[in-house]
Amino acid sequence: MNAERFRNSPSGRLLKVGQGDAAYRAFVPNALPPALNLDAKLIRILSGADRALGELAGLGRTMPNPNSSYAPSSAARRCSPRA
C-alpha cells in the first residue's frame, strides 16, 4: 500500500496500529453522514421522491412477474424516434 496516496484524503486518514514488525496502517474514515441542510425545498424534493418510489413499489406488486420487465419493451423501441 502506498501510504502517500492517503495523505490528503478527504474521506479519512491512515492510523498506525501496533509497534515494531507487527505494526500496520488502518484507514479510519471520516464520520458519516456529513451534515445536511434540510431546508423546505430539499424536504419537498425528498418527499416527492419517496412518494414516487411508493407508487412504483405498488405497481410492481400488481405485476404477475415483475422480474420479467427488466428491459424496455419492444413496443417502446418501435415507437422511439431514434429507432
N, C-alpha and C. Protein backbone atom coordinates (compact mmCIF):
# COMPACT_ATOMS: atom_id res chain seq x y z
N MET A 1 0.83 -1.16 0.00
CA MET A 1 0.00 0.00 0.00
C MET A 1 0.89 1.24 0.00
N ASN A 2 0.51 2.20 -0.81
CA ASN A 2 1.23 3.46 -0.86
C ASN A 2 0.55 4.45 0.08
N ALA A 3 1.11 4.61 1.27
CA ALA A 3 0.51 5.48 2.29
C ALA A 3 0.44 6.93 1.83
N GLU A 4 1.31 7.31 0.92
CA GLU A 4 1.32 8.70 0.42
C GLU A 4 0.01 9.05 -0.28
N ARG A 5 -0.61 8.07 -0.91
CA ARG A 5 -1.88 8.31 -1.62
C ARG A 5 -3.01 8.71 -0.67
N PHE A 6 -2.85 8.42 0.60
CA PHE A 6 -3.90 8.72 1.59
C PHE A 6 -3.61 9.99 2.38
N ARG A 7 -2.48 10.63 2.12
CA ARG A 7 -2.04 11.76 2.94
C ARG A 7 -3.08 12.88 3.01
N ASN A 8 -3.65 13.31 1.91
CA ASN A 8 -4.62 14.41 1.90
C ASN A 8 -6.01 13.94 1.52
N SER A 9 -6.37 12.75 1.92
CA SER A 9 -7.67 12.18 1.56
C SER A 9 -8.81 12.93 2.24
N PRO A 10 -9.83 13.34 1.48
CA PRO A 10 -10.99 13.98 2.10
C PRO A 10 -11.91 12.96 2.78
N SER A 11 -11.64 11.67 2.57
CA SER A 11 -12.50 10.63 3.10
C SER A 11 -12.10 10.10 4.46
N GLY A 12 -10.85 10.33 4.87
CA GLY A 12 -10.38 9.81 6.14
C GLY A 12 -8.88 9.91 6.25
N ARG A 13 -8.32 9.10 7.16
CA ARG A 13 -6.88 9.18 7.41
C ARG A 13 -6.33 7.79 7.70
N LEU A 14 -5.00 7.65 7.58
CA LEU A 14 -4.34 6.41 7.96
C LEU A 14 -3.85 6.52 9.39
N LEU A 15 -3.97 5.44 10.11
CA LEU A 15 -3.57 5.40 11.51
C LEU A 15 -2.62 4.22 11.69
N LYS A 16 -1.48 4.46 12.30
CA LYS A 16 -0.53 3.37 12.57
C LYS A 16 -1.02 2.62 13.80
N VAL A 17 -1.10 1.31 13.65
CA VAL A 17 -1.59 0.45 14.74
C VAL A 17 -0.49 -0.54 15.09
N GLY A 18 -0.21 -0.70 16.36
CA GLY A 18 0.81 -1.64 16.80
C GLY A 18 2.20 -1.05 16.77
N GLN A 19 3.17 -1.93 17.12
CA GLN A 19 4.57 -1.49 17.21
C GLN A 19 5.48 -2.50 16.54
N GLY A 20 6.65 -2.02 16.14
CA GLY A 20 7.68 -2.91 15.60
C GLY A 20 7.25 -3.59 14.32
N ASP A 21 7.67 -4.86 14.17
CA ASP A 21 7.37 -5.63 12.96
C ASP A 21 5.88 -5.95 12.81
N ALA A 22 5.15 -5.89 13.91
CA ALA A 22 3.72 -6.20 13.86
C ALA A 22 2.87 -4.97 13.53
N ALA A 23 3.49 -3.81 13.37
CA ALA A 23 2.74 -2.58 13.11
C ALA A 23 2.14 -2.61 11.71
N TYR A 24 0.99 -2.02 11.58
CA TYR A 24 0.32 -1.88 10.28
C TYR A 24 -0.47 -0.58 10.28
N ARG A 25 -0.94 -0.20 9.11
CA ARG A 25 -1.73 1.02 8.98
C ARG A 25 -3.18 0.65 8.70
N ALA A 26 -4.07 1.37 9.34
CA ALA A 26 -5.51 1.16 9.13
C ALA A 26 -6.11 2.46 8.63
N PHE A 27 -7.02 2.35 7.69
CA PHE A 27 -7.73 3.53 7.19
C PHE A 27 -8.91 3.80 8.11
N VAL A 28 -8.99 5.01 8.62
CA VAL A 28 -10.08 5.42 9.50
C VAL A 28 -10.91 6.46 8.74
N PRO A 29 -12.12 6.09 8.32
CA PRO A 29 -12.93 7.04 7.55
C PRO A 29 -13.45 8.17 8.42
N ASN A 30 -13.71 9.31 7.78
CA ASN A 30 -14.34 10.42 8.48
C ASN A 30 -15.75 10.03 8.89
N ALA A 31 -16.29 10.73 9.85
CA ALA A 31 -17.64 10.44 10.34
C ALA A 31 -18.66 10.60 9.21
N LEU A 32 -19.62 9.71 9.18
CA LEU A 32 -20.69 9.75 8.19
C LEU A 32 -22.03 9.84 8.91
N PRO A 33 -23.04 10.35 8.36
CA PRO A 33 -23.07 11.12 7.13
C PRO A 33 -22.68 12.56 7.40
N PRO A 34 -22.29 13.27 6.34
CA PRO A 34 -22.00 14.69 6.54
C PRO A 34 -23.28 15.43 6.89
N ALA A 35 -23.14 16.56 7.51
CA ALA A 35 -24.31 17.36 7.89
C ALA A 35 -25.07 17.79 6.64
N LEU A 36 -26.38 17.62 6.66
CA LEU A 36 -27.23 18.03 5.56
C LEU A 36 -28.04 19.25 5.96
N ASN A 37 -28.21 20.16 5.04
CA ASN A 37 -29.05 21.31 5.28
C ASN A 37 -30.46 20.96 4.81
N LEU A 38 -31.32 20.56 5.71
CA LEU A 38 -32.67 20.12 5.37
C LEU A 38 -33.62 21.31 5.33
N ASP A 39 -33.52 22.10 4.27
CA ASP A 39 -34.44 23.22 4.14
C ASP A 39 -35.75 22.73 3.52
N ALA A 40 -36.73 23.61 3.44
CA ALA A 40 -38.06 23.23 2.96
C ALA A 40 -38.02 22.69 1.54
N LYS A 41 -37.19 23.28 0.66
CA LYS A 41 -37.11 22.82 -0.72
C LYS A 41 -36.61 21.38 -0.80
N LEU A 42 -35.54 21.06 -0.06
CA LEU A 42 -35.00 19.70 -0.07
C LEU A 42 -36.00 18.71 0.50
N ILE A 43 -36.70 19.09 1.53
CA ILE A 43 -37.71 18.20 2.13
C ILE A 43 -38.82 17.91 1.13
N ARG A 44 -39.26 18.91 0.35
CA ARG A 44 -40.28 18.68 -0.68
C ARG A 44 -39.77 17.73 -1.75
N ILE A 45 -38.52 17.91 -2.17
CA ILE A 45 -37.94 17.04 -3.20
C ILE A 45 -37.85 15.60 -2.68
N LEU A 46 -37.37 15.42 -1.46
CA LEU A 46 -37.28 14.08 -0.87
C LEU A 46 -38.65 13.45 -0.71
N SER A 47 -39.63 14.25 -0.33
CA SER A 47 -40.99 13.74 -0.16
C SER A 47 -41.55 13.27 -1.51
N GLY A 48 -41.31 14.04 -2.57
CA GLY A 48 -41.77 13.64 -3.89
C GLY A 48 -41.11 12.36 -4.36
N ALA A 49 -39.81 12.22 -4.09
CA ALA A 49 -39.09 11.01 -4.47
C ALA A 49 -39.63 9.80 -3.70
N ASP A 50 -39.90 9.99 -2.42
CA ASP A 50 -40.44 8.92 -1.59
C ASP A 50 -41.82 8.49 -2.10
N ARG A 51 -42.63 9.46 -2.45
CA ARG A 51 -43.98 9.18 -2.96
C ARG A 51 -43.88 8.40 -4.29
N ALA A 52 -42.96 8.82 -5.18
CA ALA A 52 -42.79 8.14 -6.47
C ALA A 52 -42.31 6.70 -6.28
N LEU A 53 -41.39 6.48 -5.33
CA LEU A 53 -40.92 5.12 -5.05
C LEU A 53 -42.05 4.25 -4.51
N GLY A 54 -42.89 4.83 -3.66
CA GLY A 54 -44.04 4.09 -3.15
C GLY A 54 -45.00 3.69 -4.26
N GLU A 55 -45.22 4.61 -5.20
CA GLU A 55 -46.09 4.30 -6.33
C GLU A 55 -45.49 3.20 -7.19
N LEU A 56 -44.19 3.28 -7.44
CA LEU A 56 -43.52 2.25 -8.22
C LEU A 56 -43.59 0.89 -7.52
N ALA A 57 -43.41 0.88 -6.22
CA ALA A 57 -43.50 -0.38 -5.46
C ALA A 57 -44.91 -0.96 -5.56
N GLY A 58 -45.91 -0.10 -5.47
CA GLY A 58 -47.30 -0.56 -5.59
C GLY A 58 -47.58 -1.14 -6.96
N LEU A 59 -47.08 -0.49 -8.01
CA LEU A 59 -47.27 -1.03 -9.37
C LEU A 59 -46.56 -2.36 -9.53
N GLY A 60 -45.39 -2.50 -8.93
CA GLY A 60 -44.66 -3.75 -9.02
C GLY A 60 -45.42 -4.91 -8.39
N ARG A 61 -46.18 -4.61 -7.34
CA ARG A 61 -46.96 -5.67 -6.67
C ARG A 61 -48.13 -6.14 -7.51
N THR A 62 -48.56 -5.34 -8.49
CA THR A 62 -49.70 -5.75 -9.33
C THR A 62 -49.26 -6.58 -10.52
N MET A 63 -47.96 -6.64 -10.78
CA MET A 63 -47.46 -7.40 -11.93
C MET A 63 -47.34 -8.88 -11.59
N PRO A 64 -47.74 -9.75 -12.52
CA PRO A 64 -47.64 -11.18 -12.23
C PRO A 64 -46.19 -11.63 -12.05
N ASN A 65 -45.26 -11.07 -12.83
CA ASN A 65 -43.86 -11.42 -12.71
C ASN A 65 -43.03 -10.15 -12.92
N PRO A 66 -42.79 -9.36 -11.85
CA PRO A 66 -42.08 -8.09 -12.04
C PRO A 66 -40.65 -8.26 -12.53
N ASN A 67 -40.07 -9.44 -12.38
CA ASN A 67 -38.69 -9.66 -12.85
C ASN A 67 -38.61 -9.79 -14.37
N SER A 68 -39.75 -9.97 -15.03
CA SER A 68 -39.72 -10.13 -16.48
C SER A 68 -39.62 -8.80 -17.21
N SER A 69 -39.72 -7.70 -16.52
CA SER A 69 -39.70 -6.38 -17.16
C SER A 69 -38.42 -5.63 -16.84
N TYR A 70 -37.29 -6.25 -17.07
CA TYR A 70 -36.03 -5.61 -16.74
C TYR A 70 -35.44 -4.80 -17.89
N ALA A 71 -36.02 -4.89 -19.10
CA ALA A 71 -35.53 -4.13 -20.24
C ALA A 71 -36.69 -3.40 -20.90
N PRO A 72 -36.42 -2.32 -21.62
CA PRO A 72 -37.51 -1.63 -22.32
C PRO A 72 -38.24 -2.58 -23.25
N SER A 73 -39.54 -2.43 -23.34
CA SER A 73 -40.32 -3.33 -24.19
C SER A 73 -40.02 -3.07 -25.66
N SER A 74 -40.28 -4.05 -26.49
CA SER A 74 -40.03 -3.89 -27.92
C SER A 74 -40.96 -2.83 -28.50
N ALA A 75 -42.16 -2.66 -27.92
CA ALA A 75 -43.09 -1.64 -28.40
C ALA A 75 -42.50 -0.25 -28.18
N ALA A 76 -41.85 -0.05 -27.05
CA ALA A 76 -41.25 1.25 -26.78
C ALA A 76 -40.11 1.52 -27.75
N ARG A 77 -39.37 0.49 -28.10
CA ARG A 77 -38.28 0.67 -29.07
C ARG A 77 -38.81 0.99 -30.45
N ARG A 78 -39.97 0.35 -30.84
CA ARG A 78 -40.55 0.61 -32.16
C ARG A 78 -41.08 2.04 -32.25
N CYS A 79 -41.55 2.60 -31.14
CA CYS A 79 -42.13 3.94 -31.13
C CYS A 79 -41.06 5.02 -30.98
N SER A 80 -39.88 4.65 -30.67
CA SER A 80 -38.82 5.63 -30.45
C SER A 80 -38.47 6.34 -31.75
N PRO A 81 -38.34 7.67 -31.72
CA PRO A 81 -37.99 8.40 -32.94
C PRO A 81 -36.58 8.07 -33.44
N ARG A 82 -35.73 7.53 -32.58
CA ARG A 82 -34.36 7.19 -32.99
C ARG A 82 -34.27 5.81 -33.60
N ALA A 83 -35.32 5.00 -33.50
CA ALA A 83 -35.27 3.62 -33.97
C ALA A 83 -35.27 3.54 -35.48
